[in-house]
PDB file of N, CA and C in Angstrom:
ATOM      1  N   MET A   1     -60.824-175.307-199.856  1.00  0.00           N
ATOM      2  CA  MET A   1     -59.450-175.744-199.708  1.00  0.00           C
ATOM      3  C   MET A   1     -59.261-176.352-198.314  1.00  0.00           C
ATOM      4  N   ALA A   2     -58.697-177.515-198.272  1.00  0.00           N
ATOM      5  CA  ALA A   2     -58.484-178.221-197.001  1.00  0.00           C
ATOM      6  C   ALA A   2     -57.260-177.654-196.278  1.00  0.00           C
ATOM      7  N   THR A   3     -57.373-177.543-194.976  1.00  0.00           N
ATOM      8  CA  THR A   3     -56.239-177.062-194.185  1.00  0.00           C
ATOM      9  C   THR A   3     -55.438-178.249-193.675  1.00  0.00           C
ATOM     10  N   ILE A   4     -54.152-178.086-193.694  1.00  0.00           N
ATOM     11  CA  ILE A   4     -53.283-179.125-193.166  1.00  0.00           C
ATOM     12  C   ILE A   4     -53.259-178.985-191.647  1.00  0.00           C
ATOM     13  N   LYS A   5     -53.283-180.108-190.958  1.00  0.00           N
ATOM     14  CA  LYS A   5     -53.349-180.125-189.493  1.00  0.00           C
ATOM     15  C   LYS A   5     -52.210-179.322-188.859  1.00  0.00           C
ATOM     16  N   SER A   6     -51.008-179.480-189.399  1.00  0.00           N
ATOM     17  CA  SER A   6     -49.856-178.776-188.832  1.00  0.00           C
ATOM     18  C   SER A   6     -49.957-177.264-189.047  1.00  0.00           C
ATOM     19  N   ASP A   7     -50.505-176.832-190.181  1.00  0.00           N
ATOM     20  CA  ASP A   7     -50.691-175.403-190.441  1.00  0.00           C
ATOM     21  C   ASP A   7     -51.695-174.809-189.459  1.00  0.00           C
ATOM     22  N   ARG A   8     -52.742-175.558-189.171  1.00  0.00           N
ATOM     23  CA  ARG A   8     -53.757-175.110-188.217  1.00  0.00           C
ATOM     24  C   ARG A   8     -53.142-174.944-186.831  1.00  0.00           C
ATOM     25  N   ARG A   9     -52.293-175.901-186.433  1.00  0.00           N
ATOM     26  CA  ARG A   9     -51.642-175.833-185.127  1.00  0.00           C
ATOM     27  C   ARG A   9     -50.724-174.621-185.041  1.00  0.00           C
ATOM     28  N   VAL A  10     -50.006-174.317-186.113  1.00  0.00           N
ATOM     29  CA  VAL A  10     -49.100-173.167-186.128  1.00  0.00           C
ATOM     30  C   VAL A  10     -49.891-171.862-185.992  1.00  0.00           C
ATOM     31  N   LYS A  11     -51.046-171.779-186.630  1.00  0.00           N
ATOM     32  CA  LYS A  11     -51.896-170.588-186.502  1.00  0.00           C
ATOM     33  C   LYS A  11     -52.332-170.391-185.055  1.00  0.00           C
ATOM     34  N   ILE A  12     -52.776-171.486-184.428  1.00  0.00           N
ATOM     35  CA  ILE A  12     -53.205-171.428-183.030  1.00  0.00           C
ATOM     36  C   ILE A  12     -52.019-171.067-182.144  1.00  0.00           C
ATOM     37  N   LYS A  13     -50.865-171.649-182.423  1.00  0.00           N
ATOM     38  CA  LYS A  13     -49.650-171.377-181.655  1.00  0.00           C
ATOM     39  C   LYS A  13     -49.298-169.889-181.700  1.00  0.00           C
ATOM     40  N   ASN A  14     -49.337-169.304-182.878  1.00  0.00           N
ATOM     41  CA  ASN A  14     -49.020-167.889-183.026  1.00  0.00           C
ATOM     42  C   ASN A  14     -50.018-167.008-182.277  1.00  0.00           C
ATOM     43  N   ARG A  15     -51.269-167.391-182.290  1.00  0.00           N
ATOM     44  CA  ARG A  15     -52.298-166.650-181.575  1.00  0.00           C
ATOM     45  C   ARG A  15     -52.033-166.670-180.060  1.00  0.00           C
ATOM     46  N   ILE A  16     -51.611-167.837-179.570  1.00  0.00           N
ATOM     47  CA  ILE A  16     -51.312-167.978-178.145  1.00  0.00           C
ATOM     48  C   ILE A  16     -50.070-167.163-177.779  1.00  0.00           C
ATOM     49  N   ARG A  17     -49.018-167.264-178.600  1.00  0.00           N
ATOM     50  CA  ARG A  17     -47.739-166.631-178.285  1.00  0.00           C
ATOM     51  C   ARG A  17     -47.795-165.108-178.350  1.00  0.00           C
ATOM     52  N   ARG A  18     -48.796-164.546-179.053  1.00  0.00           N
ATOM     53  CA  ARG A  18     -48.959-163.090-179.054  1.00  0.00           C
ATOM     54  C   ARG A  18     -49.314-162.585-177.669  1.00  0.00           C
ATOM     55  N   LYS A  19     -50.052-163.402-176.918  1.00  0.00           N
ATOM     56  CA  LYS A  19     -50.539-163.003-175.606  1.00  0.00           C
ATOM     57  C   LYS A  19     -49.645-163.497-174.467  1.00  0.00           C
ATOM     58  N   LEU A  20     -48.835-164.514-174.711  1.00  0.00           N
ATOM     59  CA  LEU A  20     -48.118-165.213-173.653  1.00  0.00           C
ATOM     60  C   LEU A  20     -46.610-165.077-173.826  1.00  0.00           C
ATOM     61  N   THR A  21     -45.937-164.530-172.819  1.00  0.00           N
ATOM     62  CA  THR A  21     -44.475-164.493-172.833  1.00  0.00           C
ATOM     63  C   THR A  21     -43.967-164.919-171.466  1.00  0.00           C
ATOM     64  N   GLY A  22     -42.793-165.476-171.457  1.00  0.00           N
ATOM     65  CA  GLY A  22     -42.190-165.905-170.208  1.00  0.00           C
ATOM     66  C   GLY A  22     -41.273-164.824-169.671  1.00  0.00           C
ATOM     67  N   THR A  23     -41.483-164.418-168.444  1.00  0.00           N
ATOM     68  CA  THR A  23     -40.628-163.412-167.813  1.00  0.00           C
ATOM     69  C   THR A  23     -39.692-164.094-166.824  1.00  0.00           C
ATOM     70  N   THR A  24     -38.820-163.308-166.228  1.00  0.00           N
ATOM     71  CA  THR A  24     -37.904-163.878-165.240  1.00  0.00           C
ATOM     72  C   THR A  24     -38.674-164.348-164.008  1.00  0.00           C
ATOM     73  N   GLU A  25     -39.719-163.584-163.611  1.00  0.00           N
ATOM     74  CA  GLU A  25     -40.515-163.960-162.443  1.00  0.00           C
ATOM     75  C   GLU A  25     -41.443-165.140-162.743  1.00  0.00           C
ATOM     76  N   ARG A  26     -41.979-165.174-163.969  1.00  0.00           N
ATOM     77  CA  ARG A  26     -42.921-166.228-164.360  1.00  0.00           C
ATOM     78  C   ARG A  26     -42.547-166.747-165.750  1.00  0.00           C
ATOM     79  N   PRO A  27     -41.596-167.702-165.823  1.00  0.00           N
ATOM     80  CA  PRO A  27     -41.175-168.227-167.129  1.00  0.00           C
ATOM     81  C   PRO A  27     -42.277-169.064-167.785  1.00  0.00           C
ATOM     82  N   ARG A  28     -42.069-169.374-169.043  1.00  0.00           N
ATOM     83  CA  ARG A  28     -43.067-170.083-169.848  1.00  0.00           C
ATOM     84  C   ARG A  28     -42.752-171.566-169.874  1.00  0.00           C
ATOM     85  N   LEU A  29     -43.764-172.400-169.595  1.00  0.00           N
ATOM     86  CA  LEU A  29     -43.644-173.856-169.686  1.00  0.00           C
ATOM     87  C   LEU A  29     -44.186-174.267-171.042  1.00  0.00           C
ATOM     88  N   SER A  30     -43.294-174.586-171.965  1.00  0.00           N
ATOM     89  CA  SER A  30     -43.669-174.927-173.328  1.00  0.00           C
ATOM     90  C   SER A  30     -43.667-176.442-173.515  1.00  0.00           C
ATOM     91  N   VAL A  31     -44.668-176.942-174.234  1.00  0.00           N
ATOM     92  CA  VAL A  31     -44.838-178.378-174.448  1.00  0.00           C
ATOM     93  C   VAL A  31     -44.747-178.688-175.934  1.00  0.00           C
ATOM     94  N   PHE A  32     -44.029-179.762-176.282  1.00  0.00           N
ATOM     95  CA  PHE A  32     -43.995-180.241-177.667  1.00  0.00           C
ATOM     96  C   PHE A  32     -44.323-181.716-177.670  1.00  0.00           C
ATOM     97  N   ARG A  33     -45.193-182.108-178.575  1.00  0.00           N
ATOM     98  CA  ARG A  33     -45.609-183.503-178.683  1.00  0.00           C
ATOM     99  C   ARG A  33     -45.234-184.010-180.067  1.00  0.00           C
ATOM    100  N   SER A  34     -44.493-185.098-180.125  1.00  0.00           N
ATOM    101  CA  SER A  34     -44.177-185.725-181.411  1.00  0.00           C
ATOM    102  C   SER A  34     -44.916-187.051-181.498  1.00  0.00           C
ATOM    103  N   ASN A  35     -44.688-187.782-182.553  1.00  0.00           N
ATOM    104  CA  ASN A  35     -45.344-189.079-182.700  1.00  0.00           C
ATOM    105  C   ASN A  35     -44.844-190.087-181.673  1.00  0.00           C
ATOM    106  N   THR A  36     -43.599-189.926-181.241  1.00  0.00           N
ATOM    107  CA  THR A  36     -43.017-190.918-180.341  1.00  0.00           C
ATOM    108  C   THR A  36     -42.793-190.423-178.919  1.00  0.00           C
ATOM    109  N   GLY A  37     -42.771-189.129-178.689  1.00  0.00           N
ATOM    110  CA  GLY A  37     -42.454-188.644-177.352  1.00  0.00           C
ATOM    111  C   GLY A  37     -43.144-187.341-177.021  1.00  0.00           C
ATOM    112  N   ILE A  38     -42.909-186.887-175.801  1.00  0.00           N
ATOM    113  CA  ILE A  38     -43.429-185.603-175.344  1.00  0.00           C
ATOM    114  C   ILE A  38     -42.306-184.879-174.603  1.00  0.00           C
ATOM    115  N   TYR A  39     -42.191-183.588-174.850  1.00  0.00           N
ATOM    116  CA  TYR A  39     -41.095-182.791-174.331  1.00  0.00           C
ATOM    117  C   TYR A  39     -41.657-181.557-173.647  1.00  0.00           C
ATOM    118  N   ALA A  40     -41.008-181.095-172.585  1.00  0.00           N
ATOM    119  CA  ALA A  40     -41.415-179.876-171.893  1.00  0.00           C
ATOM    120  C   ALA A  40     -40.162-179.099-171.526  1.00  0.00           C
ATOM    121  N   GLN A  41     -40.245-177.776-171.660  1.00  0.00           N
ATOM    122  CA  GLN A  41     -39.134-176.948-171.229  1.00  0.00           C
ATOM    123  C   GLN A  41     -39.652-175.643-170.642  1.00  0.00           C
ATOM    124  N   ILE A  42     -38.917-175.133-169.682  1.00  0.00           N
ATOM    125  CA  ILE A  42     -39.264-173.868-169.048  1.00  0.00           C
ATOM    126  C   ILE A  42     -38.302-172.823-169.587  1.00  0.00           C
ATOM    127  N   ILE A  43     -38.872-171.755-170.174  1.00  0.00           N
ATOM    128  CA  ILE A  43     -38.104-170.780-170.939  1.00  0.00           C
ATOM    129  C   ILE A  43     -38.298-169.377-170.364  1.00  0.00           C
ATOM    130  N   ASP A  44     -37.195-168.644-170.231  1.00  0.00           N
ATOM    131  CA  ASP A  44     -37.233-167.224-169.893  1.00  0.00           C
ATOM    132  C   ASP A  44     -37.102-166.465-171.208  1.00  0.00           C
ATOM    133  N   ASP A  45     -38.190-165.884-171.703  1.00  0.00           N
ATOM    134  CA  ASP A  45     -38.187-165.220-173.010  1.00  0.00           C
ATOM    135  C   ASP A  45     -37.443-163.890-173.002  1.00  0.00           C
ATOM    136  N   THR A  46     -37.296-163.258-171.836  1.00  0.00           N
ATOM    137  CA  THR A  46     -36.579-161.989-171.802  1.00  0.00           C
ATOM    138  C   THR A  46     -35.093-162.189-172.109  1.00  0.00           C
ATOM    139  N   LYS A  47     -34.529-163.301-171.636  1.00  0.00           N
ATOM    140  CA  LYS A  47     -33.122-163.612-171.901  1.00  0.00           C
ATOM    141  C   LYS A  47     -32.960-164.587-173.063  1.00  0.00           C
ATOM    142  N   GLY A  48     -34.034-165.302-173.397  1.00  0.00           N
ATOM    143  CA  GLY A  48     -33.961-166.290-174.467  1.00  0.00           C
ATOM    144  C   GLY A  48     -33.288-167.577-174.029  1.00  0.00           C
ATOM    145  N   ASN A  49     -33.396-167.913-172.751  1.00  0.00           N
ATOM    146  CA  ASN A  49     -32.741-169.106-172.205  1.00  0.00           C
ATOM    147  C   ASN A  49     -33.741-170.183-171.839  1.00  0.00           C
ATOM    148  N   THR A  50     -33.349-171.438-172.065  1.00  0.00           N
ATOM    149  CA  THR A  50     -34.095-172.564-171.526  1.00  0.00           C
ATOM    150  C   THR A  50     -33.531-172.843-170.147  1.00  0.00           C
ATOM    151  N   LEU A  51     -34.387-172.757-169.141  1.00  0.00           N
ATOM    152  CA  LEU A  51     -33.936-172.922-167.764  1.00  0.00           C
ATOM    153  C   LEU A  51     -33.919-174.383-167.343  1.00  0.00           C
ATOM    154  N   VAL A  52     -34.984-175.122-167.704  1.00  0.00           N
ATOM    155  CA  VAL A  52     -35.140-176.517-167.298  1.00  0.00           C
ATOM    156  C   VAL A  52     -35.844-177.249-168.432  1.00  0.00           C
ATOM    157  N   SER A  53     -35.493-178.517-168.630  1.00  0.00           N
ATOM    158  CA  SER A  53     -36.206-179.315-169.635  1.00  0.00           C
ATOM    159  C   SER A  53     -36.373-180.756-169.167  1.00  0.00           C
ATOM    160  N   ALA A  54     -37.383-181.420-169.713  1.00  0.00           N
ATOM    161  CA  ALA A  54     -37.627-182.838-169.414  1.00  0.00           C
ATOM    162  C   ALA A  54     -38.310-183.457-170.625  1.00  0.00           C
ATOM    163  N   SER A  55     -38.140-184.755-170.794  1.00  0.00           N
ATOM    164  CA  SER A  55     -38.774-185.433-171.923  1.00  0.00           C
ATOM    165  C   SER A  55     -39.053-186.886-171.578  1.00  0.00           C
ATOM    166  N   SER A  56     -39.862-187.511-172.411  1.00  0.00           N
ATOM    167  CA  SER A  56     -40.166-188.925-172.210  1.00  0.00           C
ATOM    168  C   SER A  56     -38.931-189.781-172.508  1.00  0.00           C
ATOM    169  N   LYS A  57     -38.058-189.321-173.384  1.00  0.00           N
ATOM    170  CA  LYS A  57     -36.840-190.067-173.697  1.00  0.00           C
ATOM    171  C   LYS A  57     -35.892-190.082-172.500  1.00  0.00           C
ATOM    172  N   GLU A  58     -35.893-188.985-171.753  1.00  0.00           N
ATOM    173  CA  GLU A  58     -35.077-188.880-170.552  1.00  0.00           C
ATOM    174  C   GLU A  58     -35.507-189.904-169.502  1.00  0.00           C
ATOM    175  N   LEU A  59     -36.808-190.222-169.485  1.00  0.00           N
ATOM    176  CA  LEU A  59     -37.340-191.200-168.543  1.00  0.00           C
ATOM    177  C   LEU A  59     -37.133-192.633-169.016  1.00  0.00           C
ATOM    178  N   GLY A  60     -36.596-192.791-170.220  1.00  0.00           N
ATOM    179  CA  GLY A  60     -36.371-194.123-170.758  1.00  0.00           C
ATOM    180  C   GLY A  60     -37.552-194.646-171.562  1.00  0.00           C
ATOM    181  N   LYS A  61     -38.568-193.833-171.755  1.00  0.00           N
ATOM    182  CA  LYS A  61     -39.744-194.233-172.537  1.00  0.00           C
ATOM    183  C   LYS A  61     -39.539-193.708-173.956  1.00  0.00           C
ATOM    184  N   VAL A  62     -38.858-194.479-174.782  1.00  0.00           N
ATOM    185  CA  VAL A  62     -38.458-193.999-176.101  1.00  0.00           C
ATOM    186  C   VAL A  62     -39.624-194.005-177.087  1.00  0.00           C
ATOM    187  N   MET A  63     -40.439-195.021-177.041  1.00  0.00           N
ATOM    188  CA  MET A  63     -41.527-195.126-178.019  1.00  0.00           C
ATOM    189  C   MET A  63     -42.884-194.951-177.361  1.00  0.00           C
ATOM    190  N   ASN A  64     -43.803-194.375-178.097  1.00  0.00           N
ATOM    191  CA  ASN A  64     -45.212-194.289-177.722  1.00  0.00           C
ATOM    192  C   ASN A  64     -45.451-193.680-176.343  1.00  0.00           C
ATOM    193  N   ALA A  65     -45.173-192.395-176.233  1.00  0.00           N
ATOM    194  CA  ALA A  65     -45.466-191.684-174.986  1.00  0.00           C
ATOM    195  C   ALA A  65     -46.980-191.576-174.847  1.00  0.00           C
ATOM    196  N   ASN A  66     -47.517-192.190-173.801  1.00  0.00           N
ATOM    197  CA  ASN A  66     -48.962-192.171-173.590  1.00  0.00           C
ATOM    198  C   ASN A  66     -49.308-191.178-172.481  1.00  0.00           C
ATOM    199  N   VAL A  67     -50.541-191.196-172.020  1.00  0.00           N
ATOM    200  CA  VAL A  67     -51.006-190.255-171.013  1.00  0.00           C
ATOM    201  C   VAL A  67     -50.242-190.433-169.698  1.00  0.00           C
ATOM    202  N   ALA A  68     -49.994-191.670-169.308  1.00  0.00           N
ATOM    203  CA  ALA A  68     -49.267-191.936-168.059  1.00  0.00           C
ATOM    204  C   ALA A  68     -47.835-191.408-168.143  1.00  0.00           C
ATOM    205  N   THR A  69     -47.183-191.616-169.267  1.00  0.00           N
ATOM    206  CA  THR A  69     -45.825-191.108-169.466  1.00  0.00           C
ATOM    207  C   THR A  69     -45.818-189.590-169.439  1.00  0.00           C
ATOM    208  N   SER A  70     -46.826-188.974-170.035  1.00  0.00           N
ATOM    209  CA  SER A  70     -46.925-187.517-170.057  1.00  0.00           C
ATOM    210  C   SER A  70     -47.042-186.956-168.646  1.00  0.00           C
ATOM    211  N   LYS A  71     -47.802-187.641-167.812  1.00  0.00           N
ATOM    212  CA  LYS A  71     -47.950-187.210-166.417  1.00  0.00           C
ATOM    213  C   LYS A  71     -46.609-187.293-165.688  1.00  0.00           C
ATOM    214  N   GLU A  72     -45.839-188.358-165.960  1.00  0.00           N
ATOM    215  CA  GLU A  72     -44.511-188.514-165.362  1.00  0.00           C
ATOM    216  C   GLU A  72     -43.579-187.387-165.789  1.00  0.00           C
ATOM    217  N   VAL A  73     -43.647-187.005-167.072  1.00  0.00           N
ATOM    218  CA  VAL A  73     -42.817-185.907-167.583  1.00  0.00           C
ATOM    219  C   VAL A  73     -43.198-184.603-166.878  1.00  0.00           C
ATOM    220  N   GLY A  74     -44.495-184.390-166.652  1.00  0.00           N
ATOM    221  CA  GLY A  74     -44.955-183.217-165.926  1.00  0.00           C
ATOM    222  C   GLY A  74     -44.403-183.162-164.517  1.00  0.00           C
ATOM    223  N   LYS A  75     -44.398-184.307-163.835  1.00  0.00           N
ATOM    224  CA  LYS A  75     -43.855-184.360-162.478  1.00  0.00           C
ATOM    225  C   LYS A  75     -42.348-184.117-162.479  1.00  0.00           C
ATOM    226  N   LYS A  76     -41.667-184.651-163.499  1.00  0.00           N
ATOM    227  CA  LYS A  76     -40.215-184.494-163.609  1.00  0.00           C
ATOM    228  C   LYS A  76     -39.844-183.032-163.861  1.00  0.00           C
ATOM    229  N   ILE A  77     -40.581-182.351-164.736  1.00  0.00           N
ATOM    230  CA  ILE A  77     -40.285-180.942-165.020  1.00  0.00           C
ATOM    231  C   ILE A  77     -40.547-180.096-163.780  1.00  0.00           C
ATOM    232  N   ALA A  78     -41.583-180.447-163.022  1.00  0.00           N
ATOM    233  CA  ALA A  78     -41.886-179.713-161.787  1.00  0.00           C
ATOM    234  C   ALA A  78     -40.779-179.909-160.756  1.00  0.00           C
ATOM    235  N   GLU A  79     -40.299-181.133-160.638  1.00  0.00           N
ATOM    236  CA  GLU A  79     -39.216-181.443-159.696  1.00  0.00           C
ATOM    237  C   GLU A  79     -37.957-180.636-160.034  1.00  0.00           C
ATOM    238  N   LYS A  80     -37.596-180.607-161.324  1.00  0.00           N
ATOM    239  CA  LYS A  80     -36.412-179.866-161.752  1.00  0.00           C
ATOM    240  C   LYS A  80     -36.604-178.362-161.571  1.00  0.00           C
ATOM    241  N   ALA A  81     -37.820-177.883-161.830  1.00  0.00           N
ATOM    242  CA  ALA A  81     -38.105-176.451-161.692  1.00  0.00           C
ATOM    243  C   ALA A  81     -37.994-176.018-160.235  1.00  0.00           C
ATOM    244  N   LEU A  82     -38.522-176.823-159.326  1.00  0.00           N
ATOM    245  CA  LEU A  82     -38.452-176.489-157.908  1.00  0.00           C
ATOM    246  C   LEU A  82     -37.005-176.467-157.422  1.00  0.00           C
ATOM    247  N   GLN A  83     -36.170-177.366-157.953  1.00  0.00           N
ATOM    248  CA  GLN A  83     -34.745-177.361-157.606  1.00  0.00           C
ATOM    249  C   GLN A  83     -34.062-176.091-158.108  1.00  0.00           C
ATOM    250  N   ALA A  84     -34.550-175.564-159.243  1.00  0.00           N
ATOM    251  CA  ALA A  84     -33.985-174.341-159.820  1.00  0.00           C
ATOM    252  C   ALA A  84     -34.605-173.085-159.212  1.00  0.00           C
ATOM    253  N   GLY A  85     -35.565-173.257-158.291  1.00  0.00           N
ATOM    254  CA  GLY A  85     -36.176-172.123-157.623  1.00  0.00           C
ATOM    255  C   GLY A  85     -37.346-171.509-158.383  1.00  0.00           C
ATOM    256  N   ILE A  86     -37.955-172.270-159.277  1.00  0.00           N
ATOM    257  CA  ILE A  86     -39.088-171.782-160.057  1.00  0.00           C
ATOM    258  C   ILE A  86     -40.357-172.411-159.499  1.00  0.00           C
ATOM    259  N   THR A  87     -41.331-171.578-159.125  1.00  0.00           N
ATOM    260  CA  THR A  87     -42.591-172.109-158.600  1.00  0.00           C
ATOM    261  C   THR A  87     -43.778-171.716-159.466  1.00  0.00           C
ATOM    262  N   LYS A  88     -43.719-170.545-160.118  1.00  0.00           N
ATOM    263  CA  LYS A  88     -44.825-170.079-160.951  1.00  0.00           C
ATOM    264  C   LYS A  88     -44.395-170.055-162.408  1.00  0.00           C
ATOM    265  N   VAL A  89     -45.234-170.598-163.279  1.00  0.00           N
ATOM    266  CA  VAL A  89     -44.963-170.597-164.719  1.00  0.00           C
ATOM    267  C   VAL A  89     -46.224-170.208-165.485  1.00  0.00           C
ATOM    268  N   ALA A  90     -46.042-169.848-166.744  1.00  0.00           N
ATOM    269  CA  ALA A  90     -47.150-169.614-167.665  1.00  0.00           C
ATOM    270  C   ALA A  90     -47.184-170.816-168.606  1.00  0.00           C
ATOM    271  N   PHE A  91     -48.307-171.496-168.702  1.00  0.00           N
ATOM    272  CA  PHE A  91     -48.400-172.732-169.490  1.00  0.00           C
ATOM    273  C   PHE A  91     -48.647-172.409-170.962  1.00  0.00           C
ATOM    274  N   ASP A  92     -47.751-172.882-171.824  1.00  0.00           N
ATOM    275  CA  ASP A  92     -47.859-172.697-173.270  1.00  0.00           C
ATOM    276  C   ASP A  92     -48.118-174.059-173.888  1.00  0.00           C
ATOM    277  N   ARG A  93     -49.362-174.290-174.320  1.00  0.00           N
ATOM    278  CA  ARG A  93     -49.708-175.593-174.891  1.00  0.00           C
ATOM    279  C   ARG A  93     -49.244-175.722-176.332  1.00  0.00           C
ATOM    280  N   ASN A  94     -48.666-174.662-176.885  1.00  0.00           N
ATOM    281  CA  ASN A  94     -47.988-174.710-178.181  1.00  0.00           C
ATOM    282  C   ASN A  94     -48.914-175.054-179.345  1.00  0.00           C
ATOM    283  N   GLY A  95     -50.173-174.668-179.260  1.00  0.00           N
ATOM    284  CA  GLY A  95     -51.111-174.911-180.345  1.00  0.00           C
ATOM    285  C   GLY A  95     -51.853-176.225-180.258  1.00  0.00           C
ATOM    286  N   TYR A  96     -51.483-177.074-179.305  1.00  0.00           N
ATOM    287  CA  TYR A  96     -52.175-178.343-179.130  1.00  0.00           C
ATOM    288  C   TYR A  96     -53.433-178.114-178.296  1.00  0.00           C
ATOM    289  N   LEU A  97     -54.425-178.961-178.483  1.00  0.00           N
ATOM    290  CA  LEU A  97     -55.630-178.886-177.673  1.00  0.00           C
ATOM    291  C   LEU A  97     -55.309-179.304-176.244  1.00  0.00           C
ATOM    292  N   TYR A  98     -55.931-178.652-175.268  1.00  0.00           N
ATOM    293  CA  TYR A  98     -55.726-179.000-173.864  1.00  0.00           C
ATOM    294  C   TYR A  98     -56.550-180.246-173.583  1.00  0.00           C
ATOM    295  N   HIS A  99     -55.987-181.398-173.947  1.00  0.00           N
ATOM    296  CA  HIS A  99     -56.708-182.662-173.912  1.00  0.00           C
ATOM    297  C   HIS A  99     -55.684-183.777-173.971  1.00  0.00           C
ATOM    298  N   GLY A 100     -55.967-184.885-173.347  1.00  0.00           N
ATOM    299  CA  GLY A 100     -55.115-186.069-173.453  1.00  0.00           C
ATOM    300  C   GLY A 100     -53.738-185.868-172.857  1.00  0.00           C
ATOM    301  N   LYS A 101     -52.698-186.033-173.685  1.00  0.00           N
ATOM    302  CA  LYS A 101     -51.311-185.988-173.221  1.00  0.00           C
ATOM    303  C   LYS A 101     -50.918-184.615-172.680  1.00  0.00           C
ATOM    304  N   ILE A 102     -51.404-183.552-173.330  1.00  0.00           N
ATOM    305  CA  ILE A 102     -51.072-182.196-172.903  1.00  0.00           C
ATOM    306  C   ILE A 102     -51.693-181.921-171.535  1.00  0.00           C
ATOM    307  N   LYS A 103     -52.948-182.318-171.368  1.00  0.00           N
ATOM    308  CA  LYS A 103     -53.638-182.134-170.091  1.00  0.00           C
ATOM    309  C   LYS A 103     -52.958-182.952-168.988  1.00  0.00           C
ATOM    310  N   ALA A 104     -52.543-184.180-169.314  1.00  0.00           N
ATOM    311  CA  ALA A 104     -51.877-185.045-168.342  1.00  0.00           C
ATOM    312  C   ALA A 104     -50.553-184.436-167.900  1.00  0.00           C
ATOM    313  N   LEU A 105     -49.793-183.862-168.835  1.00  0.00           N
ATOM    314  CA  LEU A 105     -48.531-183.222-168.488  1.00  0.00           C
ATOM    315  C   LEU A 105     -48.782-182.033-167.559  1.00  0.00           C
ATOM    316  N   ALA A 106     -49.791-181.235-167.853  1.00  0.00           N
ATOM    317  CA  ALA A 106     -50.124-180.083-167.013  1.00  0.00           C
ATOM    318  C   ALA A 106     -50.536-180.520-165.613  1.00  0.00           C
ATOM    319  N   GLU A 107     -51.354-181.557-165.522  1.00  0.00           N
ATOM    320  CA  GLU A 107     -51.784-182.062-164.217  1.00  0.00           C
ATOM    321  C   GLU A 107     -50.598-182.606-163.419  1.00  0.00           C
ATOM    322  N   GLY A 108     -49.688-183.300-164.106  1.00  0.00           N
ATOM    323  CA  GLY A 108     -48.489-183.816-163.445  1.00  0.00           C
ATOM    324  C   GLY A 108     -47.610-182.695-162.913  1.00  0.00           C
ATOM    325  N   ALA A 109     -47.495-181.617-163.688  1.00  0.00           N
ATOM    326  CA  ALA A 109     -46.689-180.473-163.258  1.00  0.00           C
ATOM    327  C   ALA A 109     -47.338-179.789-162.050  1.00  0.00           C
ATOM    328  N   ARG A 110     -48.664-179.704-162.056  1.00  0.00           N
ATOM    329  CA  ARG A 110     -49.370-179.106-160.902  1.00  0.00           C
ATOM    330  C   ARG A 110     -49.201-179.980-159.659  1.00  0.00           C
ATOM    331  N   GLU A 111     -49.305-181.296-159.843  1.00  0.00           N
ATOM    332  CA  GLU A 111     -49.115-182.216-158.709  1.00  0.00           C
ATOM    333  C   GLU A 111     -47.700-182.127-158.169  1.00  0.00           C
ATOM    334  N   GLY A 112     -46.733-181.864-159.070  1.00  0.00           N
ATOM    335  CA  GLY A 112     -45.336-181.745-158.679  1.00  0.00           C
ATOM    336  C   GLY A 112     -45.021-180.452-157.944  1.00  0.00           C
ATOM    337  N   GLY A 113     -45.958-179.476-157.971  1.00  0.00           N
ATOM    338  CA  GLY A 113     -45.751-178.258-157.194  1.00  0.00           C
ATOM    339  C   GLY A 113     -45.685-176.977-157.999  1.00  0.00           C
ATOM    340  N   LEU A 114     -45.821-177.047-159.328  1.00  0.00           N
ATOM    341  CA  LEU A 114     -45.812-175.817-160.122  1.00  0.00           C
ATOM    342  C   LEU A 114     -47.166-175.140-160.062  1.00  0.00           C
ATOM    343  N   ASP A 115     -47.157-173.821-160.100  1.00  0.00           N
ATOM    344  CA  ASP A 115     -48.378-173.039-160.028  1.00  0.00           C
ATOM    345  C   ASP A 115     -48.620-172.333-161.358  1.00  0.00           C
ATOM    346  N   PHE A 116     -49.726-172.665-162.012  1.00  0.00           N
ATOM    347  CA  PHE A 116     -50.157-171.949-163.227  1.00  0.00           C
ATOM    348  C   PHE A 116     -51.631-172.101-163.425  1.00  0.00           C
TER     349      PHE A 116
END
């Protein structure tokens, strides 16, 4: 029986989320990738609040978020997080492989000053 790509990602996501939670001291940096854009948000799981968010649409890049755009989103989320007083986060790749756009976003966030 063939596995659907999205089902496989959800399985991996659940495996990651069992081990990873965002606390008040170290919130979770969650990444979502769609066909047209890339989104990142910093979440405090103890309160259930989104503290900071950024996306490729916010940068004006509506279609085809590529690796360069992903890096910009990473820098933008880091900039907003530092303004909110957040320096350390736990990176949640959300079931995606740490490769390409996801890796670029993480590198951009590290360059922007986030520690994970």
